[in-house]
Amino acid sequence: MKIIRNIYIIATALLIMLNTELDYGVCLNGQGDGKIYNGDPYYNYICYASTDAQAGDKVLTVFFKNPTNLAPDDYIYRRDFIITR
């Protein structure tokens, strides 16, 4: 488990340098509705409908931000990784 944590820390550092955002969440139901754990408690909804995530799956989402502006929600690419089922 310590190796996985170290890999996660290194990957996070690299992705931050690439102007990215990492969100960790859970899929709530079969329709793909999800909740982000590390976001604002009032705005924590995320949709996993385009993935094969099932209810209870933990998901790591990587957003690549648009480098040409400073808008906090202007993403040019998103990738979801199912961590646990």
C-alpha atoms as a PDB file:
ATOM      1  CA  MET A   1       0.000   0.000   0.000  1.00  0.00           C
ATOM      2  CA  LYS A   2       2.913   2.348   0.702  1.00  0.00           C
ATOM      3  CA  ILE A   3       4.197   1.896  -2.864  1.00  0.00           C
ATOM      4  CA  ILE A   4       0.792   2.865  -4.289  1.00  0.00           C
ATOM      5  CA  ARG A   5       0.707   5.959  -2.076  1.00  0.00           C
ATOM      6  CA  ASN A   6       4.198   6.974  -3.231  1.00  0.00           C
ATOM      7  CA  ILE A   7       3.266   6.497  -6.892  1.00  0.00           C
ATOM      8  CA  TYR A   8       0.136   8.580  -6.323  1.00  0.00           C
ATOM      9  CA  ILE A   9       2.172  11.397  -4.742  1.00  0.00           C
ATOM     10  CA  ILE A  10       4.695  11.410  -7.610  1.00  0.00           C
ATOM     11  CA  ALA A  11       1.932  11.273 -10.247  1.00  0.00           C
ATOM     12  CA  THR A  12       0.102  14.125  -8.534  1.00  0.00           C
ATOM     13  CA  ALA A  13       3.219  16.295  -8.523  1.00  0.00           C
ATOM     14  CA  LEU A  14       3.821  15.654 -12.226  1.00  0.00           C
ATOM     15  CA  LEU A  15       0.223  16.347 -13.177  1.00  0.00           C
ATOM     16  CA  ILE A  16       0.166  19.611 -11.231  1.00  0.00           C
ATOM     17  CA  MET A  17       3.171  20.780 -13.229  1.00  0.00           C
ATOM     18  CA  LEU A  18       1.206  19.979 -16.411  1.00  0.00           C
ATOM     19  CA  ASN A  19      -1.648  22.335 -15.399  1.00  0.00           C
ATOM     20  CA  THR A  20      -4.050  19.624 -14.312  1.00  0.00           C
ATOM     21  CA  GLU A  21      -6.603  19.013 -11.610  1.00  0.00           C
ATOM     22  CA  LEU A  22      -7.204  15.710  -9.818  1.00  0.00           C
ATOM     23  CA  ASP A  23     -10.580  14.828  -8.327  1.00  0.00           C
ATOM     24  CA  TYR A  24     -11.344  11.728  -6.299  1.00  0.00           C
ATOM     25  CA  GLY A  25     -14.944  10.562  -6.156  1.00  0.00           C
ATOM     26  CA  VAL A  26     -17.430   7.726  -6.013  1.00  0.00           C
ATOM     27  CA  CYS A  27     -20.104   6.578  -8.442  1.00  0.00           C
ATOM     28  CA  LEU A  28     -23.471   6.670  -6.667  1.00  0.00           C
ATOM     29  CA  ASN A  29     -25.714   4.695  -9.027  1.00  0.00           C
ATOM     30  CA  GLY A  30     -26.048   2.895 -12.345  1.00  0.00           C
ATOM     31  CA  GLN A  31     -26.869   6.133 -14.205  1.00  0.00           C
ATOM     32  CA  GLY A  32     -23.361   7.471 -13.553  1.00  0.00           C
ATOM     33  CA  ASP A  33     -24.170  10.117 -10.952  1.00  0.00           C
ATOM     34  CA  GLY A  34     -21.147  10.731  -8.766  1.00  0.00           C
ATOM     35  CA  LYS A  35     -19.844  12.686  -5.801  1.00  0.00           C
ATOM     36  CA  ILE A  36     -16.432  14.350  -5.593  1.00  0.00           C
ATOM     37  CA  TYR A  37     -14.721  14.056  -2.207  1.00  0.00           C
ATOM     38  CA  ASN A  38     -12.057  16.732  -2.577  1.00  0.00           C
ATOM     39  CA  GLY A  39     -14.256  19.484  -4.001  1.00  0.00           C
ATOM     40  CA  ASP A  40     -16.532  22.148  -2.628  1.00  0.00           C
ATOM     41  CA  PRO A  41     -19.166  20.454  -0.421  1.00  0.00           C
ATOM     42  CA  TYR A  42     -21.972  22.357  -2.191  1.00  0.00           C
ATOM     43  CA  TYR A  43     -20.731  21.705  -5.733  1.00  0.00           C
ATOM     44  CA  ASN A  44     -19.532  18.114  -5.590  1.00  0.00           C
ATOM     45  CA  TYR A  45     -21.553  16.495  -8.398  1.00  0.00           C
ATOM     46  CA  ILE A  46     -19.762  14.725 -11.247  1.00  0.00           C
ATOM     47  CA  CYS A  47     -21.115  12.525 -14.015  1.00  0.00           C
ATOM     48  CA  TYR A  48     -19.482   9.173 -14.780  1.00  0.00           C
ATOM     49  CA  ALA A  49     -22.083   8.144 -17.385  1.00  0.00           C
ATOM     50  CA  SER A  50     -19.472   7.966 -20.162  1.00  0.00           C
ATOM     51  CA  THR A  51     -17.462   5.399 -18.182  1.00  0.00           C
ATOM     52  CA  ASP A  52     -18.275   1.862 -17.107  1.00  0.00           C
ATOM     53  CA  ALA A  53     -18.334   2.906 -13.427  1.00  0.00           C
ATOM     54  CA  GLN A  54     -20.897   1.155 -11.269  1.00  0.00           C
ATOM     55  CA  ALA A  55     -22.446   2.131  -7.945  1.00  0.00           C
ATOM     56  CA  GLY A  56     -19.774   2.198  -5.245  1.00  0.00           C
ATOM     57  CA  ASP A  57     -16.787   2.408  -7.609  1.00  0.00           C
ATOM     58  CA  LYS A  58     -14.067   4.853  -6.552  1.00  0.00           C
ATOM     59  CA  VAL A  59     -12.930   7.011  -9.479  1.00  0.00           C
ATOM     60  CA  LEU A  60      -9.925   9.272 -10.009  1.00  0.00           C
ATOM     61  CA  THR A  61     -10.620  12.005 -12.567  1.00  0.00           C
ATOM     62  CA  VAL A  62      -7.848  14.003 -14.228  1.00  0.00           C
ATOM     63  CA  PHE A  63      -8.722  17.315 -15.878  1.00  0.00           C
ATOM     64  CA  PHE A  64      -6.240  19.044 -18.181  1.00  0.00           C
ATOM     65  CA  LYS A  65      -6.838  22.784 -18.030  1.00  0.00           C
ATOM     66  CA  ASN A  66      -6.682  25.095 -21.003  1.00  0.00           C
ATOM     67  CA  PRO A  67      -3.251  26.781 -20.800  1.00  0.00           C
ATOM     68  CA  THR A  68      -4.355  29.804 -22.837  1.00  0.00           C
ATOM     69  CA  ASN A  69      -6.558  31.344 -20.134  1.00  0.00           C
ATOM     70  CA  LEU A  70      -7.027  31.467 -16.374  1.00  0.00           C
ATOM     71  CA  ALA A  71     -10.631  30.253 -16.185  1.00  0.00           C
ATOM     72  CA  PRO A  72     -10.901  27.719 -13.332  1.00  0.00           C
ATOM     73  CA  ASP A  73     -13.248  25.397 -15.213  1.00  0.00           C
ATOM     74  CA  ASP A  74     -11.961  25.541 -18.807  1.00  0.00           C
ATOM     75  CA  TYR A  75     -10.819  21.967 -19.371  1.00  0.00           C
ATOM     76  CA  ILE A  76      -9.514  20.680 -22.678  1.00  0.00           C
ATOM     77  CA  TYR A  77      -9.414  17.003 -21.704  1.00  0.00           C
ATOM     78  CA  ARG A  78     -10.844  14.747 -19.017  1.00  0.00           C
ATOM     79  CA  ARG A  79      -9.898  11.178 -18.144  1.00  0.00           C
ATOM     80  CA  ASP A  80     -11.558   8.931 -15.526  1.00  0.00           C
ATOM     81  CA  PHE A  81      -9.771   6.011 -13.901  1.00  0.00           C
ATOM     82  CA  ILE A  82     -11.738   3.456 -11.902  1.00  0.00           C
ATOM     83  CA  ILE A  83      -9.621   2.768  -8.822  1.00  0.00           C
ATOM     84  CA  THR A  84     -11.739   0.184  -6.971  1.00  0.00           C
ATOM     85  CA  ARG A  85     -14.867  -1.777  -7.690  1.00  0.00           C
END
